[in-house]
Amino acid sequence: MKNLSPALLALSLLATPLLNSCVTAKKYDDLSARQKADADGKAAAERQYRGATAELQKATDELAQLRLTQKRLVTDSAETGAAYRKTRGLYNDLTSSYDKLLKNSDRELANKSSDYNKVARDLARREAELGALDVSLQKSKAENDRLAADLQGREARLTELTKALADKDKAVNDLRARVSKALLSFNSSDLQVKLKDGKVYVSLSEQLLFKSGSTKVDAKGEEALKQLAAVLQEQKDVNVVVEGHTDSVPIARGTAGLTDNWDLSALRATEIARLLTASGVPPERVTASGRGKYVPVAANDTPANKALNRRTEIILTPKLDDLFQILDSSSSAK
């Protein structure tokens, strides 16, 4: 009886009076069936209870685990939130820095673009200058080549000219030597042979050639002129200029055919020219010139100086055709 549930106990208590009252067997069977059914129900309820208890315990355990998980998730969520906020802050900082860098990059790019354009313009200008310099260099090179060729030609002409001058100097010196030798017998005070400006000057005094105021050459003077003419016949490339000179003393009034010293000097020069040509010097090589008193060699202040001025100069000039040809070619080449 100790193991009977309250409901079965109550049924037993109810069944006792009935049994004592002589219940019928059918009713007893019904009660027994009901009792068995109640026992089966109790067993089923107990099983359900144990199952429900087990489920409850499992649910309790799961709930505890869920609460633990939730707590951990809350903690993780807080840490994650802090990390997120920190990361968000860093992201914002990076975004700001990026924007600044982007702006700076754009500004730098603009500056670099400006610098590039400036450099490009400068480079273009330099290239243009280089091109101009190259053209100038080519022109200079061409000009230098032309000048080099011209210099070479000039050097060749200079060599020719130097040789021609040397030949001319040799010819003049040879002429002077020949003339001096031919006139060696005459007094040096009456006849002088000298070099001047690349020419041979034969200076003959009035005393050797003429009497005072006369235009007729004396015999001694004729002899000197013949000897000079003999030399000039051999020197076919020599031109002859005869210059008559006087002092400053006017000629005597009434001298036949003479107005002044100019006439006297010209007539004396002409007379000497005639004697030279008569002695074999071709007339086309001889020129007569009267210089009067206008080219003195000394002051007309003493008789001795006046005597020096009364003279005839025969100027012998070697023909310089080769030299002039070289000079002409040099002038035309410029």
Protein backbone atom coordinates (compact mmCIF):
# COMPACT_ATOMS: atom_id res chain seq x y z
CA MET A 1 0.00 0.00 0.00
CA LYS A 2 2.99 2.23 0.58
CA ASN A 3 3.72 2.27 -3.19
CA LEU A 4 0.17 3.21 -4.22
CA SER A 5 -0.43 6.69 -5.57
CA PRO A 6 -3.04 8.85 -3.82
CA ALA A 7 -5.50 8.18 -6.60
CA LEU A 8 -5.18 4.39 -6.29
CA LEU A 9 -5.39 4.64 -2.51
CA ALA A 10 -8.60 6.53 -2.78
CA LEU A 11 -9.97 3.94 -5.13
CA SER A 12 -9.01 1.16 -2.71
CA LEU A 13 -10.75 2.92 0.16
CA LEU A 14 -13.83 3.29 -1.98
CA ALA A 15 -13.64 -0.35 -3.07
CA THR A 16 -13.43 -1.75 0.49
CA PRO A 17 -16.98 -0.83 1.57
CA LEU A 18 -18.21 -2.01 -1.72
CA LEU A 19 -16.54 -5.34 -1.32
CA ASN A 20 -17.83 -5.52 2.17
CA SER A 21 -21.24 -4.78 0.84
CA CYS A 22 -20.97 -7.75 -1.39
CA VAL A 23 -20.40 -5.92 -4.78
CA THR A 24 -20.91 -7.93 -7.79
CA ALA A 25 -18.09 -9.56 -9.69
CA LYS A 26 -18.73 -7.47 -12.72
CA LYS A 27 -18.21 -4.35 -10.87
CA TYR A 28 -15.08 -5.77 -9.40
CA ASP A 29 -13.74 -6.54 -12.77
CA ASP A 30 -14.54 -3.08 -13.90
CA LEU A 31 -12.74 -1.62 -10.97
CA SER A 32 -9.75 -3.89 -11.54
CA ALA A 33 -9.66 -2.85 -15.15
CA ARG A 34 -9.83 0.73 -14.18
CA GLN A 35 -7.16 0.21 -11.57
CA LYS A 36 -4.90 -1.40 -14.15
CA ALA A 37 -5.58 1.38 -16.55
CA ASP A 38 -4.74 3.90 -13.89
CA ALA A 39 -1.51 2.02 -13.12
CA ASP A 40 -0.61 1.99 -16.77
CA GLY A 41 -1.40 5.67 -17.00
CA LYS A 42 0.71 6.33 -13.95
CA ALA A 43 3.61 4.41 -15.45
CA ALA A 44 3.22 6.30 -18.69
CA ALA A 45 2.98 9.59 -16.79
CA GLU A 46 6.09 8.71 -14.83
CA ARG A 47 7.92 7.89 -17.99
CA GLN A 48 6.75 11.14 -19.50
CA TYR A 49 7.81 12.93 -16.32
CA ARG A 50 11.26 11.42 -16.41
CA GLY A 51 11.54 12.26 -20.09
CA ALA A 52 10.31 15.75 -19.43
CA THR A 53 12.77 16.07 -16.53
CA ALA A 54 15.60 14.89 -18.75
CA GLU A 55 14.52 17.31 -21.47
CA LEU A 56 14.26 20.05 -18.90
CA GLN A 57 17.75 19.28 -17.62
CA LYS A 58 19.08 19.24 -21.14
CA ALA A 59 17.30 22.47 -21.88
CA THR A 60 18.66 23.92 -18.64
CA ASP A 61 22.18 22.83 -19.57
CA GLU A 62 21.78 24.22 -23.07
CA LEU A 63 20.40 27.47 -21.64
CA ALA A 64 23.39 27.73 -19.32
CA GLN A 65 25.67 27.07 -22.26
CA LEU A 66 23.79 29.61 -24.32
CA ARG A 67 24.07 32.15 -21.51
CA LEU A 68 27.81 31.43 -21.29
CA THR A 69 28.07 31.75 -25.03
CA GLN A 70 25.99 34.91 -24.92
CA LYS A 71 28.25 36.34 -22.22
CA ARG A 72 31.29 35.43 -24.27
CA LEU A 73 29.65 36.91 -27.35
CA VAL A 74 28.85 40.08 -25.43
CA THR A 75 32.47 40.27 -24.33
CA ASP A 76 33.62 39.48 -27.83
CA SER A 77 31.15 41.97 -29.21
CA ALA A 78 32.46 44.66 -26.86
CA GLU A 79 36.04 43.87 -27.87
CA THR A 80 35.03 43.65 -31.47
CA GLY A 81 33.17 46.95 -31.16
CA ALA A 82 36.21 48.58 -29.60
CA ALA A 83 38.41 47.10 -32.29
CA TYR A 84 35.89 48.19 -34.88
CA ARG A 85 35.77 51.69 -33.50
CA LYS A 86 39.56 51.79 -33.39
CA THR A 87 39.77 50.38 -36.87
CA ARG A 88 37.09 52.83 -37.98
CA GLY A 89 39.10 55.66 -36.49
CA LEU A 90 42.22 54.45 -38.24
CA TYR A 91 40.25 54.10 -41.44
CA ASN A 92 38.95 57.64 -41.09
CA ASP A 93 42.48 58.86 -40.41
CA LEU A 94 43.76 56.95 -43.42
CA THR A 95 40.92 58.30 -45.54
CA SER A 96 41.73 61.84 -44.41
CA SER A 97 45.42 61.25 -45.05
CA TYR A 98 44.60 59.77 -48.43
CA ASP A 99 42.44 62.77 -49.31
CA LYS A 100 45.23 65.10 -48.25
CA LEU A 101 47.76 63.07 -50.18
CA LEU A 102 45.46 63.04 -53.16
CA LYS A 103 45.07 66.80 -52.99
CA ASN A 104 48.81 67.20 -52.50
CA SER A 105 49.38 64.74 -55.32
CA ASP A 106 47.10 66.75 -57.58
CA ARG A 107 48.91 69.93 -56.57
CA GLU A 108 52.29 68.26 -57.01
CA LEU A 109 51.11 66.83 -60.31
CA ALA A 110 50.04 70.29 -61.43
CA ASN A 111 53.39 71.69 -60.29
CA LYS A 112 55.23 68.85 -61.95
CA SER A 113 53.17 69.39 -65.08
CA SER A 114 54.07 73.07 -65.01
CA ASP A 115 57.71 72.17 -64.44
CA TYR A 116 57.51 69.63 -67.23
CA ASN A 117 56.00 72.17 -69.59
CA LYS A 118 58.70 74.64 -68.61
CA VAL A 119 61.40 72.04 -69.13
CA ALA A 120 59.79 71.00 -72.41
CA ARG A 121 59.74 74.62 -73.59
CA ASP A 122 63.32 75.09 -72.46
CA LEU A 123 64.30 71.86 -74.19
CA ALA A 124 62.57 72.97 -77.37
CA ARG A 125 64.36 76.31 -77.15
CA ARG A 126 67.65 74.54 -76.53
CA GLU A 127 67.00 72.25 -79.48
CA ALA A 128 66.23 75.28 -81.65
CA GLU A 129 69.41 76.97 -80.43
CA LEU A 130 71.31 73.75 -81.05
CA GLY A 131 69.88 73.58 -84.55
CA ALA A 132 70.83 77.20 -85.18
CA LEU A 133 74.29 76.55 -83.76
CA ASP A 134 74.61 73.49 -85.96
CA VAL A 135 73.64 75.53 -89.02
CA SER A 136 76.06 78.24 -87.92
CA LEU A 137 78.71 75.59 -87.35
CA GLN A 138 78.15 74.19 -90.81
CA LYS A 139 78.38 77.70 -92.26
CA SER A 140 81.48 78.36 -90.19
CA LYS A 141 82.97 75.08 -91.35
CA ALA A 142 82.20 75.93 -94.96
CA GLU A 143 83.61 79.40 -94.42
CA ASN A 144 86.64 77.92 -92.69
CA ASP A 145 87.15 75.51 -95.59
CA ARG A 146 86.83 78.41 -98.01
CA LEU A 147 89.24 80.51 -95.95
CA ALA A 148 91.64 77.59 -95.71
CA ALA A 149 91.56 77.20 -99.48
CA ASP A 150 91.92 80.97 -99.88
CA LEU A 151 94.77 80.95 -97.36
CA GLN A 152 96.46 78.19 -99.27
CA GLY A 153 96.09 80.19 -102.44
CA ARG A 154 97.36 83.32 -100.72
CA GLU A 155 100.30 81.40 -99.32
CA ALA A 156 101.10 80.19 -102.81
CA ARG A 157 100.82 83.74 -104.15
CA LEU A 158 102.87 85.00 -101.22
CA THR A 159 105.55 82.48 -102.10
CA GLU A 160 105.42 83.68 -105.69
CA LEU A 161 105.45 87.29 -104.55
CA THR A 162 108.36 86.67 -102.19
CA LYS A 163 110.28 85.03 -105.01
CA ALA A 164 109.35 87.84 -107.39
CA LEU A 165 110.48 90.44 -104.85
CA ALA A 166 113.68 88.52 -104.26
CA ASP A 167 114.22 88.33 -108.01
CA LYS A 168 113.44 92.04 -108.29
CA ASP A 169 115.85 92.91 -105.48
CA LYS A 170 118.49 90.74 -107.10
CA ALA A 171 117.85 92.42 -110.44
CA VAL A 172 118.12 95.89 -108.87
CA ASN A 173 121.32 94.99 -107.05
CA ASP A 174 122.77 93.46 -110.20
CA LEU A 175 121.80 96.61 -112.14
CA ARG A 176 123.40 98.84 -109.55
CA ALA A 177 126.56 96.78 -109.65
CA ARG A 178 126.71 96.92 -113.44
CA VAL A 179 126.05 100.66 -113.55
CA SER A 180 128.60 101.35 -110.80
CA LYS A 181 131.17 99.27 -112.65
CA ALA A 182 130.44 101.01 -115.94
CA LEU A 183 130.77 104.48 -114.39
CA LEU A 184 133.63 103.65 -112.06
CA SER A 185 136.01 105.99 -113.83
CA PHE A 186 133.99 109.10 -113.03
CA ASN A 187 134.59 111.27 -109.95
CA SER A 188 132.28 110.34 -107.09
CA SER A 189 131.56 114.00 -106.46
CA ASP A 190 130.15 114.32 -109.97
CA LEU A 191 128.42 110.92 -110.26
CA GLN A 192 126.77 108.78 -107.61
CA VAL A 193 124.96 105.43 -107.93
CA LYS A 194 122.64 104.45 -105.06
CA LEU A 195 119.61 102.34 -104.23
CA LYS A 196 116.38 104.00 -103.11
CA ASP A 197 112.86 102.54 -102.85
CA GLY A 198 113.83 99.51 -104.91
CA LYS A 199 115.26 101.63 -107.73
CA VAL A 200 118.75 102.56 -108.94
CA TYR A 201 119.42 106.31 -108.86
CA VAL A 202 122.28 107.64 -111.03
CA SER A 203 122.83 111.23 -109.91
CA LEU A 204 124.99 113.36 -112.22
CA SER A 205 126.11 116.83 -111.20
CA GLU A 206 125.63 119.88 -113.38
CA GLN A 207 129.41 120.24 -113.54
CA LEU A 208 129.70 116.83 -115.23
CA LEU A 209 126.98 117.45 -117.78
CA PHE A 210 126.31 121.13 -118.44
CA LYS A 211 127.84 124.57 -118.37
CA SER A 212 125.92 127.08 -116.27
CA GLY A 213 122.56 127.91 -117.87
CA SER A 214 123.22 125.56 -120.82
CA THR A 215 121.12 122.65 -122.05
CA LYS A 216 123.95 121.16 -124.12
CA VAL A 217 125.76 118.16 -122.60
CA ASP A 218 129.55 118.42 -122.40
CA ALA A 219 131.80 115.82 -123.98
CA LYS A 220 132.70 114.29 -120.63
CA GLY A 221 129.01 113.99 -119.79
CA GLU A 222 128.32 112.38 -123.18
CA GLU A 223 130.94 109.76 -122.42
CA ALA A 224 129.29 108.91 -119.11
CA LEU A 225 125.87 108.66 -120.76
CA LYS A 226 127.19 106.37 -123.51
CA GLN A 227 128.66 104.00 -120.97
CA LEU A 228 125.37 104.03 -119.06
CA ALA A 229 123.46 103.40 -122.28
CA ALA A 230 125.68 100.39 -123.01
CA VAL A 231 124.59 98.83 -119.72
CA LEU A 232 120.92 99.67 -120.30
CA GLN A 233 120.98 98.02 -123.73
CA GLU A 234 121.82 94.73 -121.99
CA GLN A 235 119.17 95.31 -119.30
CA LYS A 236 116.12 95.10 -121.54
CA ASP A 237 113.66 94.92 -118.61
CA VAL A 238 114.68 98.28 -117.15
CA ASN A 239 112.68 101.50 -117.58
CA VAL A 240 114.51 104.84 -117.51
CA VAL A 241 113.26 108.12 -116.08
CA VAL A 242 115.42 111.21 -116.56
CA GLU A 243 114.72 113.99 -114.02
CA GLY A 244 116.27 117.45 -114.31
CA HIS A 245 116.75 119.50 -111.13
CA THR A 246 117.92 123.07 -110.46
CA ASP A 247 118.70 125.27 -107.51
CA SER A 248 116.48 128.17 -106.47
CA VAL A 249 118.45 130.88 -108.27
CA PRO A 250 116.34 132.27 -111.15
CA ILE A 251 117.80 132.05 -114.62
CA ALA A 252 119.23 135.19 -116.14
CA ARG A 253 116.73 137.39 -117.92
CA GLY A 254 116.66 137.05 -121.66
CA THR A 255 117.98 133.47 -121.77
CA ALA A 256 116.84 132.19 -125.15
CA GLY A 257 113.90 129.77 -125.04
CA LEU A 258 113.75 129.66 -121.24
CA THR A 259 111.20 131.23 -118.93
CA ASP A 260 112.37 129.80 -115.63
CA ASN A 261 114.28 126.96 -114.00
CA TRP A 262 111.44 124.58 -114.80
CA ASP A 263 112.10 125.07 -118.51
CA LEU A 264 115.81 124.58 -117.90
CA SER A 265 115.35 121.32 -115.99
CA ALA A 266 112.91 119.95 -118.57
CA LEU A 267 115.17 120.77 -121.53
CA ARG A 268 118.19 119.24 -119.84
CA ALA A 269 116.23 116.06 -119.08
CA THR A 270 115.04 115.90 -122.69
CA GLU A 271 118.59 116.37 -123.98
CA ILE A 272 119.89 113.49 -121.85
CA ALA A 273 116.99 111.29 -122.93
CA ARG A 274 117.88 111.95 -126.58
CA LEU A 275 121.53 111.04 -125.96
CA LEU A 276 120.53 107.76 -124.27
CA THR A 277 118.20 106.76 -127.09
CA ALA A 278 120.83 107.80 -129.63
CA SER A 279 123.19 105.44 -127.86
CA GLY A 280 120.85 102.48 -128.30
CA VAL A 281 118.29 102.65 -125.45
CA PRO A 282 114.75 102.11 -126.91
CA PRO A 283 112.80 105.40 -126.68
CA GLU A 284 109.69 103.66 -125.30
CA ARG A 285 111.68 102.82 -122.18
CA VAL A 286 112.79 106.42 -121.57
CA THR A 287 110.81 109.23 -119.89
CA ALA A 288 112.08 112.83 -119.53
CA SER A 289 110.86 114.96 -116.63
CA GLY A 290 111.75 118.48 -115.47
CA ARG A 291 111.41 119.00 -111.73
CA GLY A 292 112.87 122.52 -111.51
CA LYS A 293 113.76 123.68 -108.03
CA TYR A 294 110.96 121.79 -106.31
CA VAL A 295 112.78 118.60 -105.22
CA PRO A 296 116.03 119.81 -103.61
CA VAL A 297 118.42 117.47 -101.80
CA ALA A 298 119.83 120.31 -99.67
CA ALA A 299 118.86 123.79 -98.54
CA ASN A 300 119.61 126.45 -101.12
CA ASP A 301 121.55 128.52 -98.60
CA THR A 302 125.18 128.01 -99.62
CA PRO A 303 126.99 127.67 -102.95
CA ALA A 304 127.89 124.06 -102.09
CA ASN A 305 124.28 123.11 -101.33
CA LYS A 306 123.06 124.87 -104.44
CA ALA A 307 125.57 122.86 -106.47
CA LEU A 308 124.12 119.65 -104.99
CA ASN A 309 120.64 120.69 -106.09
CA ARG A 310 121.78 121.40 -109.67
CA ARG A 311 121.77 117.80 -110.84
CA THR A 312 120.26 115.26 -113.19
CA GLU A 313 118.94 111.98 -111.80
CA ILE A 314 118.54 108.98 -114.03
CA ILE A 315 116.15 106.58 -112.26
CA LEU A 316 116.42 102.97 -113.38
CA THR A 317 113.42 100.76 -112.51
CA PRO A 318 113.34 97.05 -113.39
CA LYS A 319 110.07 96.08 -115.02
CA LEU A 320 107.85 94.37 -112.46
CA ASP A 321 105.37 92.70 -114.82
CA ASP A 322 105.58 89.35 -112.98
CA LEU A 323 105.24 91.10 -109.64
CA PHE A 324 102.27 93.17 -110.80
CA GLN A 325 100.66 90.05 -112.26
CA ILE A 326 100.93 88.32 -108.89
CA LEU A 327 99.52 91.40 -107.12
CA ASP A 328 96.64 91.60 -109.64
CA SER A 329 95.82 87.92 -109.15
CA SER A 330 95.86 88.47 -105.38
CA SER A 331 93.49 91.45 -105.70
CA SER A 332 91.08 89.63 -108.01
CA ALA A 333 91.02 86.63 -105.68
CA LYS A 334 89.68 88.69 -102.76
